[in-house]
Amino acid sequence: MSSLSDLDFQPGRAFHEAAISRFGPGTLITCCHPSDDFFLIASFSCSALRINADSTALVLQSLLGGSILYFQVVHQDAWCFHFSVASKHVGLMIHRMAKFVCKEFAIFFTLWRNGGPDYMREELLWNQMQEAGWNHVHRKKKSYAEVARSHSTHLLIC
C-alpha cells in the first residue's frame, strides 16, 4: 500500500500556475473567506492510499495547489467527499479537468449542486451519450408466406 509521502505535488504547482495565467496574478485556489467558496465533489474509484477527509485534503493539495487548511473536505459517502475552492472560476476549471489518474489513486471531480451531485442530470447525459452511440434499424416483419415466396423465386431448378 502506498503512503501519503509518495504523493507528487508537481501537478498542484502546474494547476496553480495555469490558474494564475488564466485568471491573473493573485488567483487563489483555496481561500479563508467562506462566503466566496465554490463546492465540488471528489470521488475515488480506486486508491492505494487510506482514504479519509484528511488524506483527501492532502491529495487535493497535491493536484490543485492551495492550502490543505481551506479545502474544508467533508466525507459524503464511501469514497466521496465534498470540498471547497476559492471561486467559481477555479471550481469550473477543476470540473473541466474531470479526473486525475495515477498509480496511487483515481479521482473524479463533479459539481456540488443543491446539497450533492446532480445524479439525475448526470444519468440523463449518460443515457443520451449511450443512445447516440447506437443505430436503430427498423425492419418490416414478413409473414411466413412472403418469406417462402421470396425464397422460391431464388431457387434454381437443375
N, C-alpha and C. Protein backbone atom coordinates (compact mmCIF):
# COMPACT_ATOMS: atom_id res chain seq x y z
N MET A 1 0.85 -1.17 0.00
CA MET A 1 0.00 0.00 0.00
C MET A 1 0.89 1.24 0.00
N SER A 2 0.54 2.23 -0.79
CA SER A 2 1.29 3.48 -0.86
C SER A 2 1.00 4.33 0.37
N SER A 3 1.86 5.30 0.59
CA SER A 3 1.64 6.22 1.71
C SER A 3 1.52 7.65 1.17
N LEU A 4 1.06 8.54 2.00
CA LEU A 4 0.88 9.93 1.60
C LEU A 4 2.21 10.58 1.24
N SER A 5 3.31 10.05 1.76
CA SER A 5 4.63 10.60 1.43
C SER A 5 5.00 10.32 -0.03
N ASP A 6 4.28 9.42 -0.69
CA ASP A 6 4.53 9.10 -2.11
C ASP A 6 3.87 10.10 -3.06
N LEU A 7 3.05 11.01 -2.54
CA LEU A 7 2.33 11.95 -3.39
C LEU A 7 3.30 12.89 -4.11
N ASP A 8 2.98 13.18 -5.37
CA ASP A 8 3.75 14.11 -6.19
C ASP A 8 3.00 15.44 -6.20
N PHE A 9 3.63 16.52 -5.77
CA PHE A 9 2.98 17.83 -5.69
C PHE A 9 3.20 18.67 -6.94
N GLN A 10 3.89 18.13 -7.94
CA GLN A 10 4.11 18.87 -9.19
C GLN A 10 2.79 19.18 -9.91
N PRO A 11 1.82 18.26 -9.99
CA PRO A 11 0.56 18.61 -10.64
C PRO A 11 -0.13 19.81 -9.96
N GLY A 12 -0.03 19.93 -8.65
CA GLY A 12 -0.62 21.06 -7.94
C GLY A 12 0.05 22.37 -8.30
N ARG A 13 1.37 22.35 -8.42
CA ARG A 13 2.08 23.56 -8.82
C ARG A 13 1.71 23.94 -10.26
N ALA A 14 1.60 22.95 -11.14
CA ALA A 14 1.23 23.22 -12.52
C ALA A 14 -0.20 23.76 -12.63
N PHE A 15 -1.12 23.17 -11.85
CA PHE A 15 -2.51 23.65 -11.87
C PHE A 15 -2.58 25.08 -11.37
N HIS A 16 -1.86 25.39 -10.30
CA HIS A 16 -1.85 26.75 -9.75
C HIS A 16 -1.30 27.74 -10.78
N GLU A 17 -0.22 27.38 -11.45
CA GLU A 17 0.34 28.25 -12.49
C GLU A 17 -0.65 28.46 -13.63
N ALA A 18 -1.37 27.41 -14.02
CA ALA A 18 -2.37 27.53 -15.09
C ALA A 18 -3.50 28.46 -14.66
N ALA A 19 -3.91 28.36 -13.40
CA ALA A 19 -4.97 29.24 -12.89
C ALA A 19 -4.50 30.69 -12.87
N ILE A 20 -3.26 30.92 -12.47
CA ILE A 20 -2.72 32.28 -12.45
C ILE A 20 -2.63 32.84 -13.86
N SER A 21 -2.15 32.04 -14.81
CA SER A 21 -2.03 32.54 -16.19
C SER A 21 -3.41 32.79 -16.81
N ARG A 22 -4.40 32.04 -16.38
CA ARG A 22 -5.76 32.20 -16.95
C ARG A 22 -6.54 33.32 -16.28
N PHE A 23 -6.44 33.43 -14.95
CA PHE A 23 -7.27 34.39 -14.22
C PHE A 23 -6.51 35.56 -13.63
N GLY A 24 -5.18 35.58 -13.81
CA GLY A 24 -4.39 36.72 -13.35
C GLY A 24 -3.67 36.46 -12.05
N PRO A 25 -2.67 37.31 -11.77
CA PRO A 25 -1.91 37.15 -10.53
C PRO A 25 -2.83 37.34 -9.32
N GLY A 26 -2.48 36.69 -8.26
CA GLY A 26 -3.30 36.79 -7.06
C GLY A 26 -4.44 35.78 -7.03
N THR A 27 -4.53 34.93 -8.05
CA THR A 27 -5.57 33.90 -8.07
C THR A 27 -5.30 32.89 -6.96
N LEU A 28 -6.32 32.65 -6.16
CA LEU A 28 -6.19 31.71 -5.05
C LEU A 28 -6.96 30.43 -5.37
N ILE A 29 -6.37 29.30 -5.08
CA ILE A 29 -7.07 28.03 -5.23
C ILE A 29 -7.98 27.83 -4.03
N THR A 30 -7.45 28.08 -2.85
CA THR A 30 -8.25 28.00 -1.63
C THR A 30 -8.25 29.36 -0.97
N CYS A 31 -9.26 29.64 -0.19
CA CYS A 31 -9.40 30.95 0.43
C CYS A 31 -10.01 30.80 1.82
N CYS A 32 -9.66 31.72 2.69
CA CYS A 32 -10.16 31.66 4.05
C CYS A 32 -11.49 32.41 4.22
N HIS A 33 -12.08 32.90 3.14
CA HIS A 33 -13.36 33.62 3.21
C HIS A 33 -14.48 32.69 2.78
N PRO A 34 -15.24 32.10 3.71
CA PRO A 34 -16.27 31.12 3.38
C PRO A 34 -17.35 31.65 2.43
N SER A 35 -17.56 32.95 2.38
CA SER A 35 -18.62 33.49 1.52
C SER A 35 -18.29 33.34 0.03
N ASP A 36 -17.01 33.19 -0.29
CA ASP A 36 -16.59 33.07 -1.69
C ASP A 36 -16.44 31.63 -2.14
N ASP A 37 -16.66 30.68 -1.27
CA ASP A 37 -16.40 29.27 -1.58
C ASP A 37 -17.26 28.74 -2.72
N PHE A 38 -16.68 27.83 -3.47
CA PHE A 38 -17.36 27.10 -4.54
C PHE A 38 -17.12 25.63 -4.24
N PHE A 39 -18.18 24.84 -4.19
CA PHE A 39 -18.07 23.44 -3.74
C PHE A 39 -18.09 22.46 -4.90
N LEU A 40 -17.30 21.40 -4.75
CA LEU A 40 -17.24 20.31 -5.72
C LEU A 40 -17.23 18.98 -4.96
N ILE A 41 -17.39 17.90 -5.72
CA ILE A 41 -17.30 16.54 -5.20
C ILE A 41 -16.03 15.90 -5.73
N ALA A 42 -15.30 15.24 -4.85
CA ALA A 42 -14.16 14.42 -5.25
C ALA A 42 -14.53 12.98 -4.90
N SER A 43 -14.51 12.11 -5.90
CA SER A 43 -14.81 10.70 -5.64
C SER A 43 -13.67 9.84 -6.17
N PHE A 44 -13.29 8.88 -5.38
CA PHE A 44 -12.20 7.98 -5.74
C PHE A 44 -12.80 6.69 -6.29
N SER A 45 -12.26 6.20 -7.40
CA SER A 45 -12.71 4.90 -7.91
C SER A 45 -11.78 3.80 -7.44
N CYS A 46 -10.53 4.14 -7.16
CA CYS A 46 -9.58 3.19 -6.60
C CYS A 46 -8.50 3.98 -5.89
N SER A 47 -7.85 3.36 -4.95
CA SER A 47 -6.80 4.05 -4.23
C SER A 47 -5.90 3.06 -3.50
N ALA A 48 -4.61 3.32 -3.57
CA ALA A 48 -3.66 2.56 -2.79
C ALA A 48 -3.38 3.27 -1.47
N LEU A 49 -3.99 4.44 -1.30
CA LEU A 49 -3.86 5.24 -0.08
C LEU A 49 -5.05 4.97 0.82
N ARG A 50 -4.88 5.18 2.09
CA ARG A 50 -6.00 5.11 3.02
C ARG A 50 -6.81 6.40 2.83
N ILE A 51 -8.08 6.27 2.47
CA ILE A 51 -8.89 7.43 2.11
C ILE A 51 -9.75 7.87 3.29
N ASN A 52 -9.57 9.14 3.68
CA ASN A 52 -10.42 9.79 4.67
C ASN A 52 -10.38 11.29 4.35
N ALA A 53 -11.04 12.11 5.14
CA ALA A 53 -11.11 13.54 4.84
C ALA A 53 -9.72 14.19 4.84
N ASP A 54 -8.86 13.81 5.78
CA ASP A 54 -7.52 14.40 5.86
C ASP A 54 -6.65 14.01 4.67
N SER A 55 -6.66 12.73 4.32
CA SER A 55 -5.84 12.30 3.19
C SER A 55 -6.38 12.87 1.88
N THR A 56 -7.70 13.02 1.78
CA THR A 56 -8.29 13.63 0.58
C THR A 56 -7.84 15.08 0.45
N ALA A 57 -7.80 15.82 1.55
CA ALA A 57 -7.33 17.20 1.51
C ALA A 57 -5.88 17.27 1.02
N LEU A 58 -5.05 16.34 1.47
CA LEU A 58 -3.66 16.32 1.02
C LEU A 58 -3.56 15.94 -0.46
N VAL A 59 -4.38 14.99 -0.90
CA VAL A 59 -4.42 14.64 -2.33
C VAL A 59 -4.83 15.86 -3.15
N LEU A 60 -5.86 16.58 -2.69
CA LEU A 60 -6.31 17.78 -3.41
C LEU A 60 -5.19 18.82 -3.49
N GLN A 61 -4.47 19.01 -2.39
CA GLN A 61 -3.36 19.96 -2.41
C GLN A 61 -2.30 19.52 -3.41
N SER A 62 -2.04 18.22 -3.49
CA SER A 62 -1.03 17.74 -4.44
C SER A 62 -1.46 17.94 -5.89
N LEU A 63 -2.77 17.92 -6.15
CA LEU A 63 -3.28 18.06 -7.51
C LEU A 63 -3.60 19.50 -7.90
N LEU A 64 -4.04 20.30 -6.92
CA LEU A 64 -4.58 21.62 -7.24
C LEU A 64 -3.77 22.77 -6.68
N GLY A 65 -2.84 22.48 -5.78
CA GLY A 65 -2.13 23.55 -5.09
C GLY A 65 -3.01 24.03 -3.95
N GLY A 66 -2.83 25.28 -3.55
CA GLY A 66 -3.64 25.82 -2.47
C GLY A 66 -3.18 25.30 -1.13
N SER A 67 -4.02 25.55 -0.12
CA SER A 67 -3.68 25.16 1.24
C SER A 67 -4.62 24.08 1.73
N ILE A 68 -4.05 23.07 2.33
CA ILE A 68 -4.83 21.94 2.86
C ILE A 68 -5.86 22.41 3.88
N LEU A 69 -5.57 23.52 4.58
CA LEU A 69 -6.46 24.01 5.64
C LEU A 69 -7.80 24.51 5.12
N TYR A 70 -7.83 25.01 3.88
CA TYR A 70 -9.02 25.69 3.39
C TYR A 70 -9.87 24.88 2.41
N PHE A 71 -9.50 23.65 2.11
CA PHE A 71 -10.35 22.85 1.23
C PHE A 71 -11.65 22.44 1.91
N GLN A 72 -11.68 22.43 3.23
CA GLN A 72 -12.87 22.09 4.01
C GLN A 72 -13.49 20.77 3.55
N VAL A 73 -12.69 19.74 3.48
CA VAL A 73 -13.13 18.43 2.99
C VAL A 73 -14.09 17.80 3.99
N VAL A 74 -15.23 17.32 3.48
CA VAL A 74 -16.23 16.66 4.31
C VAL A 74 -16.58 15.33 3.65
N HIS A 75 -16.57 14.25 4.42
CA HIS A 75 -16.91 12.93 3.91
C HIS A 75 -18.40 12.87 3.58
N GLN A 76 -18.74 12.36 2.41
CA GLN A 76 -20.13 12.22 1.98
C GLN A 76 -20.61 10.79 2.13
N ASP A 77 -19.99 9.90 1.35
CA ASP A 77 -20.40 8.50 1.33
C ASP A 77 -19.30 7.69 0.68
N ALA A 78 -19.00 6.54 1.26
CA ALA A 78 -17.96 5.65 0.71
C ALA A 78 -16.70 6.46 0.43
N TRP A 79 -16.29 6.53 -0.82
CA TRP A 79 -15.08 7.27 -1.18
C TRP A 79 -15.43 8.60 -1.85
N CYS A 80 -16.50 9.24 -1.43
CA CYS A 80 -16.93 10.55 -1.96
C CYS A 80 -16.81 11.62 -0.88
N PHE A 81 -16.26 12.76 -1.28
CA PHE A 81 -16.05 13.88 -0.37
C PHE A 81 -16.44 15.17 -1.08
N HIS A 82 -16.98 16.14 -0.33
CA HIS A 82 -17.13 17.44 -0.96
C HIS A 82 -16.09 18.38 -0.37
N PHE A 83 -15.69 19.35 -1.17
CA PHE A 83 -14.65 20.28 -0.76
C PHE A 83 -14.91 21.63 -1.40
N SER A 84 -14.23 22.65 -0.89
CA SER A 84 -14.43 23.99 -1.43
C SER A 84 -13.14 24.55 -2.01
N VAL A 85 -13.31 25.43 -2.97
CA VAL A 85 -12.21 26.19 -3.54
C VAL A 85 -12.59 27.67 -3.50
N ALA A 86 -11.65 28.53 -3.86
CA ALA A 86 -11.81 29.96 -3.63
C ALA A 86 -12.86 30.63 -4.50
N SER A 87 -13.10 30.12 -5.71
CA SER A 87 -14.01 30.85 -6.60
C SER A 87 -14.67 29.90 -7.60
N LYS A 88 -15.71 30.42 -8.21
CA LYS A 88 -16.42 29.67 -9.24
C LYS A 88 -15.50 29.39 -10.43
N HIS A 89 -14.66 30.36 -10.80
CA HIS A 89 -13.76 30.17 -11.94
C HIS A 89 -12.80 29.01 -11.71
N VAL A 90 -12.23 28.96 -10.51
CA VAL A 90 -11.31 27.87 -10.18
C VAL A 90 -12.08 26.55 -10.13
N GLY A 91 -13.29 26.57 -9.54
CA GLY A 91 -14.11 25.36 -9.45
C GLY A 91 -14.45 24.79 -10.81
N LEU A 92 -14.81 25.66 -11.75
CA LEU A 92 -15.14 25.19 -13.10
C LEU A 92 -13.90 24.69 -13.84
N MET A 93 -12.75 25.27 -13.54
CA MET A 93 -11.50 24.78 -14.13
C MET A 93 -11.21 23.36 -13.63
N ILE A 94 -11.47 23.12 -12.35
CA ILE A 94 -11.29 21.78 -11.78
C ILE A 94 -12.30 20.82 -12.40
N HIS A 95 -13.54 21.26 -12.54
CA HIS A 95 -14.59 20.42 -13.13
C HIS A 95 -14.23 20.02 -14.56
N ARG A 96 -13.66 20.94 -15.33
CA ARG A 96 -13.26 20.62 -16.71
C ARG A 96 -12.11 19.62 -16.73
N MET A 97 -11.28 19.63 -15.68
CA MET A 97 -10.21 18.63 -15.59
C MET A 97 -10.82 17.23 -15.48
N ALA A 98 -11.97 17.13 -14.82
CA ALA A 98 -12.80 15.92 -14.71
C ALA A 98 -12.18 14.80 -13.87
N LYS A 99 -10.94 14.44 -14.13
CA LYS A 99 -10.36 13.31 -13.39
C LYS A 99 -8.85 13.42 -13.37
N PHE A 100 -8.26 12.67 -12.47
CA PHE A 100 -6.81 12.53 -12.41
C PHE A 100 -6.53 11.09 -12.02
N VAL A 101 -5.70 10.43 -12.79
CA VAL A 101 -5.39 9.02 -12.54
C VAL A 101 -3.87 8.87 -12.46
N CYS A 102 -3.43 8.21 -11.40
CA CYS A 102 -2.01 7.89 -11.25
C CYS A 102 -1.91 6.51 -10.60
N LYS A 103 -0.72 6.06 -10.30
CA LYS A 103 -0.59 4.71 -9.75
C LYS A 103 -1.13 4.60 -8.33
N GLU A 104 -1.22 5.72 -7.60
CA GLU A 104 -1.72 5.68 -6.23
C GLU A 104 -3.24 5.74 -6.14
N PHE A 105 -3.90 6.45 -7.08
CA PHE A 105 -5.35 6.63 -6.98
C PHE A 105 -5.93 7.12 -8.30
N ALA A 106 -7.25 7.05 -8.39
CA ALA A 106 -8.01 7.67 -9.49
C ALA A 106 -9.09 8.50 -8.82
N ILE A 107 -9.12 9.79 -9.13
CA ILE A 107 -10.08 10.71 -8.51
C ILE A 107 -10.86 11.42 -9.61
N PHE A 108 -12.15 11.60 -9.38
CA PHE A 108 -13.05 12.24 -10.34
C PHE A 108 -13.69 13.45 -9.68
N PHE A 109 -13.87 14.52 -10.45
CA PHE A 109 -14.45 15.75 -9.93
C PHE A 109 -15.79 16.04 -10.58
N THR A 110 -16.79 16.33 -9.77
CA THR A 110 -18.10 16.74 -10.26
C THR A 110 -18.56 17.95 -9.46
N LEU A 111 -19.53 18.63 -10.00
CA LEU A 111 -20.07 19.81 -9.34
C LEU A 111 -20.96 19.41 -8.17
N TRP A 112 -20.95 20.20 -7.14
CA TRP A 112 -21.83 20.04 -5.98
C TRP A 112 -23.05 20.88 -6.27
N ARG A 113 -24.23 20.27 -6.20
CA ARG A 113 -25.45 21.01 -6.55
C ARG A 113 -26.55 20.68 -5.56
N ASN A 114 -27.14 21.71 -4.98
CA ASN A 114 -28.26 21.56 -4.06
C ASN A 114 -27.99 20.49 -3.00
N GLY A 115 -26.82 20.53 -2.41
CA GLY A 115 -26.51 19.59 -1.35
C GLY A 115 -25.89 18.29 -1.83
N GLY A 116 -25.61 18.16 -3.10
CA GLY A 116 -24.99 16.93 -3.59
C GLY A 116 -24.81 16.97 -5.09
N PRO A 117 -24.17 15.98 -5.65
CA PRO A 117 -24.02 15.94 -7.10
C PRO A 117 -25.39 15.76 -7.75
N ASP A 118 -25.53 16.27 -8.93
CA ASP A 118 -26.80 16.20 -9.64
C ASP A 118 -26.87 14.87 -10.40
N TYR A 119 -27.23 13.81 -9.66
CA TYR A 119 -27.23 12.46 -10.24
C TYR A 119 -28.24 12.32 -11.37
N MET A 120 -29.39 12.98 -11.26
CA MET A 120 -30.41 12.85 -12.30
C MET A 120 -29.90 13.43 -13.62
N ARG A 121 -29.25 14.59 -13.56
CA ARG A 121 -28.71 15.21 -14.77
C ARG A 121 -27.59 14.35 -15.34
N GLU A 122 -26.70 13.87 -14.46
CA GLU A 122 -25.60 13.02 -14.91
C GLU A 122 -26.12 11.75 -15.59
N GLU A 123 -27.17 11.14 -15.03
CA GLU A 123 -27.74 9.94 -15.63
C GLU A 123 -28.37 10.26 -16.99
N LEU A 124 -29.07 11.39 -17.07
CA LEU A 124 -29.67 11.79 -18.34
C LEU A 124 -28.60 11.98 -19.41
N LEU A 125 -27.51 12.68 -19.07
CA LEU A 125 -26.42 12.88 -20.03
C LEU A 125 -25.79 11.56 -20.44
N TRP A 126 -25.59 10.65 -19.47
CA TRP A 126 -25.02 9.35 -19.79
C TRP A 126 -25.93 8.58 -20.72
N ASN A 127 -27.23 8.58 -20.45
CA ASN A 127 -28.18 7.88 -21.31
C ASN A 127 -28.19 8.47 -22.72
N GLN A 128 -28.09 9.78 -22.83
CA GLN A 128 -28.05 10.42 -24.15
C GLN A 128 -26.80 10.02 -24.91
N MET A 129 -25.66 9.94 -24.21
CA MET A 129 -24.42 9.52 -24.86
C MET A 129 -24.53 8.07 -25.34
N GLN A 130 -25.13 7.22 -24.50
CA GLN A 130 -25.28 5.82 -24.88
C GLN A 130 -26.22 5.69 -26.08
N GLU A 131 -27.29 6.44 -26.06
CA GLU A 131 -28.26 6.38 -27.15
C GLU A 131 -27.65 6.87 -28.46
N ALA A 132 -26.80 7.89 -28.38
CA ALA A 132 -26.17 8.44 -29.58
C ALA A 132 -25.20 7.43 -30.23
N GLY A 133 -24.71 6.50 -29.45
CA GLY A 133 -23.76 5.51 -29.98
C GLY A 133 -24.41 4.35 -30.71
N TRP A 134 -25.72 4.27 -30.68
CA TRP A 134 -26.42 3.15 -31.31
C TRP A 134 -27.15 3.62 -32.55
N ASN A 135 -27.21 2.74 -33.55
CA ASN A 135 -28.03 2.97 -34.74
C ASN A 135 -29.25 2.07 -34.65
N HIS A 136 -30.40 2.67 -34.79
CA HIS A 136 -31.63 1.88 -34.74
C HIS A 136 -31.99 1.40 -36.13
N VAL A 137 -32.26 0.13 -36.24
CA VAL A 137 -32.63 -0.47 -37.51
C VAL A 137 -34.08 -0.93 -37.40
N HIS A 138 -34.89 -0.43 -38.30
CA HIS A 138 -36.30 -0.82 -38.30
C HIS A 138 -36.54 -1.72 -39.50
N ARG A 139 -37.00 -2.92 -39.25
CA ARG A 139 -37.26 -3.86 -40.33
C ARG A 139 -38.73 -4.17 -40.38
N LYS A 140 -39.20 -4.29 -41.58
CA LYS A 140 -40.59 -4.67 -41.77
C LYS A 140 -40.67 -6.18 -41.56
N LYS A 141 -41.60 -6.59 -40.73
CA LYS A 141 -41.77 -8.02 -40.49
C LYS A 141 -42.50 -8.64 -41.68
N LYS A 142 -42.00 -9.80 -42.10
CA LYS A 142 -42.62 -10.51 -43.21
C LYS A 142 -43.35 -11.73 -42.67
N SER A 143 -44.40 -12.04 -43.32
CA SER A 143 -45.13 -13.24 -42.93
C SER A 143 -44.38 -14.46 -43.47
N TYR A 144 -44.77 -15.65 -42.99
CA TYR A 144 -44.15 -16.89 -43.45
C TYR A 144 -44.37 -17.06 -44.95
N ALA A 145 -45.53 -16.72 -45.42
CA ALA A 145 -45.85 -16.88 -46.85
C ALA A 145 -44.96 -15.98 -47.70
N GLU A 146 -44.71 -14.75 -47.26
CA GLU A 146 -43.85 -13.83 -48.02
C GLU A 146 -42.42 -14.33 -48.07
N VAL A 147 -41.94 -14.86 -46.95
CA VAL A 147 -40.59 -15.40 -46.90
C VAL A 147 -40.48 -16.61 -47.83
N ALA A 148 -41.47 -17.49 -47.80
CA ALA A 148 -41.46 -18.68 -48.65
C ALA A 148 -41.48 -18.30 -50.12
N ARG A 149 -42.33 -17.30 -50.49
CA ARG A 149 -42.38 -16.86 -51.88
C ARG A 149 -41.06 -16.26 -52.34
N SER A 150 -40.42 -15.44 -51.49
CA SER A 150 -39.17 -14.81 -51.89
C SER A 150 -38.06 -15.84 -52.07
N HIS A 151 -38.06 -16.91 -51.25
CA HIS A 151 -37.07 -17.96 -51.40
C HIS A 151 -37.35 -18.84 -52.60
N SER A 152 -38.61 -19.03 -52.93
CA SER A 152 -38.94 -19.91 -54.06
C SER A 152 -38.55 -19.25 -55.38
N THR A 153 -38.54 -17.93 -55.45
CA THR A 153 -38.14 -17.26 -56.70
C THR A 153 -36.64 -17.31 -56.90
N HIS A 154 -35.90 -17.55 -55.82
CA HIS A 154 -34.44 -17.60 -55.93
C HIS A 154 -33.91 -19.01 -56.16
N LEU A 155 -34.78 -20.00 -56.09
CA LEU A 155 -34.32 -21.37 -56.29
C LEU A 155 -34.08 -21.65 -57.77
N LEU A 156 -33.02 -22.33 -58.06
CA LEU A 156 -32.73 -22.74 -59.43
C LEU A 156 -33.09 -24.21 -59.57
N ILE A 157 -33.77 -24.52 -60.62
CA ILE A 157 -34.12 -25.90 -60.88
C ILE A 157 -33.13 -26.45 -61.88
N CYS A 158 -32.48 -27.54 -61.50
CA CYS A 158 -31.47 -28.13 -62.37
C CYS A 158 -32.06 -29.26 -63.17
